[in-house]
Amino acid sequence: MTTHTPAESLTNRHQFWRGVRGVLPILLGVFPFGMIYGALARQSGISVPAAQAMSSIVFAGSAQFI
């Protein structure tokens, strides 16, 4: 088992938040598509767990909306 010193934890925490900040611009474009996909999936009668599973397993880009 690896033990981390407080300095290492701070470094890991800092790296985590740097990653979060790095992803934020991508989320601005991805989040609306996720909301649209979720709304269309629910409207077509797909259950929430099935829609989540399909969204995480299938990477088809815009083909997911067809």
N, C-alpha and C. Protein backbone atom coordinates (compact mmCIF):
# COMPACT_ATOMS: atom_id res chain seq x y z
N MET A 1 0.84 -1.17 0.00
CA MET A 1 0.00 0.00 0.00
C MET A 1 0.89 1.23 0.00
N THR A 2 0.52 2.19 -0.80
CA THR A 2 1.30 3.41 -0.90
C THR A 2 0.71 4.47 0.02
N THR A 3 1.58 5.09 0.77
CA THR A 3 1.13 6.20 1.61
C THR A 3 1.58 7.50 0.96
N HIS A 4 0.73 8.49 1.05
CA HIS A 4 1.04 9.78 0.46
C HIS A 4 1.29 10.80 1.56
N THR A 5 2.30 11.59 1.35
CA THR A 5 2.56 12.68 2.28
C THR A 5 1.59 13.82 1.97
N PRO A 6 1.38 14.74 2.91
CA PRO A 6 0.49 15.88 2.63
C PRO A 6 0.90 16.67 1.39
N ALA A 7 2.19 16.78 1.15
CA ALA A 7 2.66 17.52 -0.03
C ALA A 7 2.24 16.80 -1.31
N GLU A 8 2.32 15.46 -1.31
CA GLU A 8 1.91 14.70 -2.49
C GLU A 8 0.40 14.80 -2.70
N SER A 9 -0.37 14.78 -1.63
CA SER A 9 -1.82 14.91 -1.75
C SER A 9 -2.19 16.26 -2.33
N LEU A 10 -1.52 17.29 -1.89
CA LEU A 10 -1.78 18.62 -2.42
C LEU A 10 -1.44 18.65 -3.90
N THR A 11 -0.36 18.02 -4.27
CA THR A 11 0.03 17.96 -5.67
C THR A 11 -1.02 17.20 -6.48
N ASN A 12 -1.49 16.07 -5.95
CA ASN A 12 -2.52 15.30 -6.65
C ASN A 12 -3.81 16.10 -6.77
N ARG A 13 -4.18 16.78 -5.71
CA ARG A 13 -5.39 17.61 -5.73
C ARG A 13 -5.23 18.73 -6.75
N HIS A 14 -4.07 19.34 -6.78
CA HIS A 14 -3.80 20.41 -7.74
C HIS A 14 -3.89 19.87 -9.18
N GLN A 15 -3.33 18.70 -9.40
CA GLN A 15 -3.39 18.10 -10.73
C GLN A 15 -4.83 17.77 -11.12
N PHE A 16 -5.62 17.29 -10.17
CA PHE A 16 -7.02 16.99 -10.44
C PHE A 16 -7.76 18.24 -10.90
N TRP A 17 -7.60 19.33 -10.17
CA TRP A 17 -8.32 20.56 -10.53
C TRP A 17 -7.79 21.17 -11.82
N ARG A 18 -6.52 20.96 -12.12
CA ARG A 18 -6.01 21.40 -13.42
C ARG A 18 -6.70 20.62 -14.53
N GLY A 19 -6.92 19.34 -14.30
CA GLY A 19 -7.64 18.52 -15.28
C GLY A 19 -9.08 18.95 -15.44
N VAL A 20 -9.74 19.27 -14.32
CA VAL A 20 -11.12 19.74 -14.38
C VAL A 20 -11.20 21.03 -15.19
N ARG A 21 -10.29 21.95 -14.92
CA ARG A 21 -10.28 23.22 -15.67
C ARG A 21 -9.98 22.98 -17.15
N GLY A 22 -9.16 21.98 -17.44
CA GLY A 22 -8.82 21.68 -18.83
C GLY A 22 -10.00 21.11 -19.61
N VAL A 23 -10.91 20.43 -18.92
CA VAL A 23 -12.05 19.79 -19.58
C VAL A 23 -13.23 20.76 -19.75
N LEU A 24 -13.28 21.80 -18.96
CA LEU A 24 -14.43 22.72 -19.01
C LEU A 24 -14.76 23.25 -20.40
N PRO A 25 -13.79 23.66 -21.21
CA PRO A 25 -14.16 24.13 -22.55
C PRO A 25 -14.84 23.05 -23.40
N ILE A 26 -14.42 21.82 -23.24
CA ILE A 26 -15.03 20.72 -23.99
C ILE A 26 -16.47 20.51 -23.54
N LEU A 27 -16.71 20.64 -22.24
CA LEU A 27 -18.05 20.44 -21.71
C LEU A 27 -19.06 21.43 -22.28
N LEU A 28 -18.60 22.62 -22.63
CA LEU A 28 -19.50 23.61 -23.21
C LEU A 28 -20.12 23.11 -24.51
N GLY A 29 -19.40 22.30 -25.25
CA GLY A 29 -19.93 21.75 -26.49
C GLY A 29 -20.59 20.40 -26.31
N VAL A 30 -20.12 19.61 -25.37
CA VAL A 30 -20.62 18.24 -25.19
C VAL A 30 -21.91 18.21 -24.37
N PHE A 31 -22.01 19.05 -23.36
CA PHE A 31 -23.17 19.03 -22.47
C PHE A 31 -24.50 19.21 -23.20
N PRO A 32 -24.62 20.18 -24.11
CA PRO A 32 -25.90 20.33 -24.82
C PRO A 32 -26.29 19.08 -25.61
N PHE A 33 -25.32 18.43 -26.24
CA PHE A 33 -25.63 17.21 -26.98
C PHE A 33 -26.08 16.10 -26.05
N GLY A 34 -25.50 16.03 -24.88
CA GLY A 34 -25.94 15.04 -23.89
C GLY A 34 -27.38 15.28 -23.46
N MET A 35 -27.72 16.53 -23.26
CA MET A 35 -29.09 16.88 -22.87
C MET A 35 -30.07 16.55 -24.00
N ILE A 36 -29.69 16.87 -25.23
CA ILE A 36 -30.55 16.57 -26.37
C ILE A 36 -30.73 15.06 -26.52
N TYR A 37 -29.64 14.32 -26.42
CA TYR A 37 -29.72 12.86 -26.53
C TYR A 37 -30.62 12.29 -25.43
N GLY A 38 -30.45 12.76 -24.21
CA GLY A 38 -31.27 12.27 -23.11
C GLY A 38 -32.74 12.55 -23.33
N ALA A 39 -33.06 13.74 -23.80
CA ALA A 39 -34.46 14.10 -24.05
C ALA A 39 -35.04 13.24 -25.17
N LEU A 40 -34.28 13.04 -26.24
CA LEU A 40 -34.77 12.22 -27.35
C LEU A 40 -34.91 10.76 -26.95
N ALA A 41 -33.98 10.27 -26.15
CA ALA A 41 -34.06 8.88 -25.71
C ALA A 41 -35.30 8.66 -24.84
N ARG A 42 -35.54 9.57 -23.92
CA ARG A 42 -36.72 9.44 -23.06
C ARG A 42 -38.01 9.58 -23.87
N GLN A 43 -38.01 10.49 -24.82
CA GLN A 43 -39.20 10.71 -25.65
C GLN A 43 -39.52 9.47 -26.49
N SER A 44 -38.49 8.74 -26.88
CA SER A 44 -38.72 7.55 -27.71
C SER A 44 -39.02 6.31 -26.87
N GLY A 45 -39.04 6.46 -25.55
CA GLY A 45 -39.44 5.35 -24.69
C GLY A 45 -38.29 4.53 -24.13
N ILE A 46 -37.07 4.96 -24.33
CA ILE A 46 -35.91 4.24 -23.79
C ILE A 46 -35.80 4.60 -22.30
N SER A 47 -35.59 3.60 -21.47
CA SER A 47 -35.48 3.86 -20.03
C SER A 47 -34.19 4.63 -19.73
N VAL A 48 -34.16 5.27 -18.59
CA VAL A 48 -32.98 6.06 -18.20
C VAL A 48 -31.73 5.17 -18.12
N PRO A 49 -31.79 4.00 -17.43
CA PRO A 49 -30.58 3.16 -17.39
C PRO A 49 -30.14 2.69 -18.78
N ALA A 50 -31.10 2.36 -19.64
CA ALA A 50 -30.74 1.92 -20.99
C ALA A 50 -30.11 3.07 -21.78
N ALA A 51 -30.65 4.27 -21.63
CA ALA A 51 -30.09 5.43 -22.34
C ALA A 51 -28.68 5.73 -21.85
N GLN A 52 -28.47 5.63 -20.54
CA GLN A 52 -27.13 5.87 -20.00
C GLN A 52 -26.15 4.80 -20.47
N ALA A 53 -26.60 3.55 -20.46
CA ALA A 53 -25.72 2.46 -20.92
C ALA A 53 -25.38 2.64 -22.39
N MET A 54 -26.39 2.93 -23.20
CA MET A 54 -26.14 3.09 -24.63
C MET A 54 -25.23 4.28 -24.88
N SER A 55 -25.42 5.35 -24.14
CA SER A 55 -24.59 6.53 -24.33
C SER A 55 -23.14 6.27 -23.93
N SER A 56 -22.93 5.43 -22.93
CA SER A 56 -21.56 5.16 -22.50
C SER A 56 -20.89 4.07 -23.33
N ILE A 57 -21.67 3.18 -23.92
CA ILE A 57 -21.10 2.07 -24.69
C ILE A 57 -20.97 2.41 -26.17
N VAL A 58 -21.98 3.04 -26.73
CA VAL A 58 -22.01 3.32 -28.16
C VAL A 58 -21.39 4.69 -28.40
N PHE A 59 -20.37 4.72 -29.23
CA PHE A 59 -19.79 6.00 -29.64
C PHE A 59 -20.04 6.12 -31.13
N ALA A 60 -21.16 6.74 -31.47
CA ALA A 60 -21.55 6.83 -32.87
C ALA A 60 -21.72 8.27 -33.32
N GLY A 61 -21.35 9.21 -32.49
CA GLY A 61 -21.50 10.60 -32.87
C GLY A 61 -22.95 10.95 -33.13
N SER A 62 -23.20 11.59 -34.24
CA SER A 62 -24.56 12.03 -34.54
C SER A 62 -25.49 10.86 -34.87
N ALA A 63 -24.96 9.69 -35.15
CA ALA A 63 -25.80 8.53 -35.45
C ALA A 63 -26.63 8.11 -34.24
N GLN A 64 -26.24 8.51 -33.05
CA GLN A 64 -27.02 8.19 -31.86
C GLN A 64 -28.37 8.89 -31.89
N PHE A 65 -28.49 9.95 -32.64
CA PHE A 65 -29.74 10.71 -32.69
C PHE A 65 -30.72 10.15 -33.70
N ILE A 66 -30.29 9.21 -34.51
CA ILE A 66 -31.16 8.66 -35.56
C ILE A 66 -32.00 7.53 -35.01
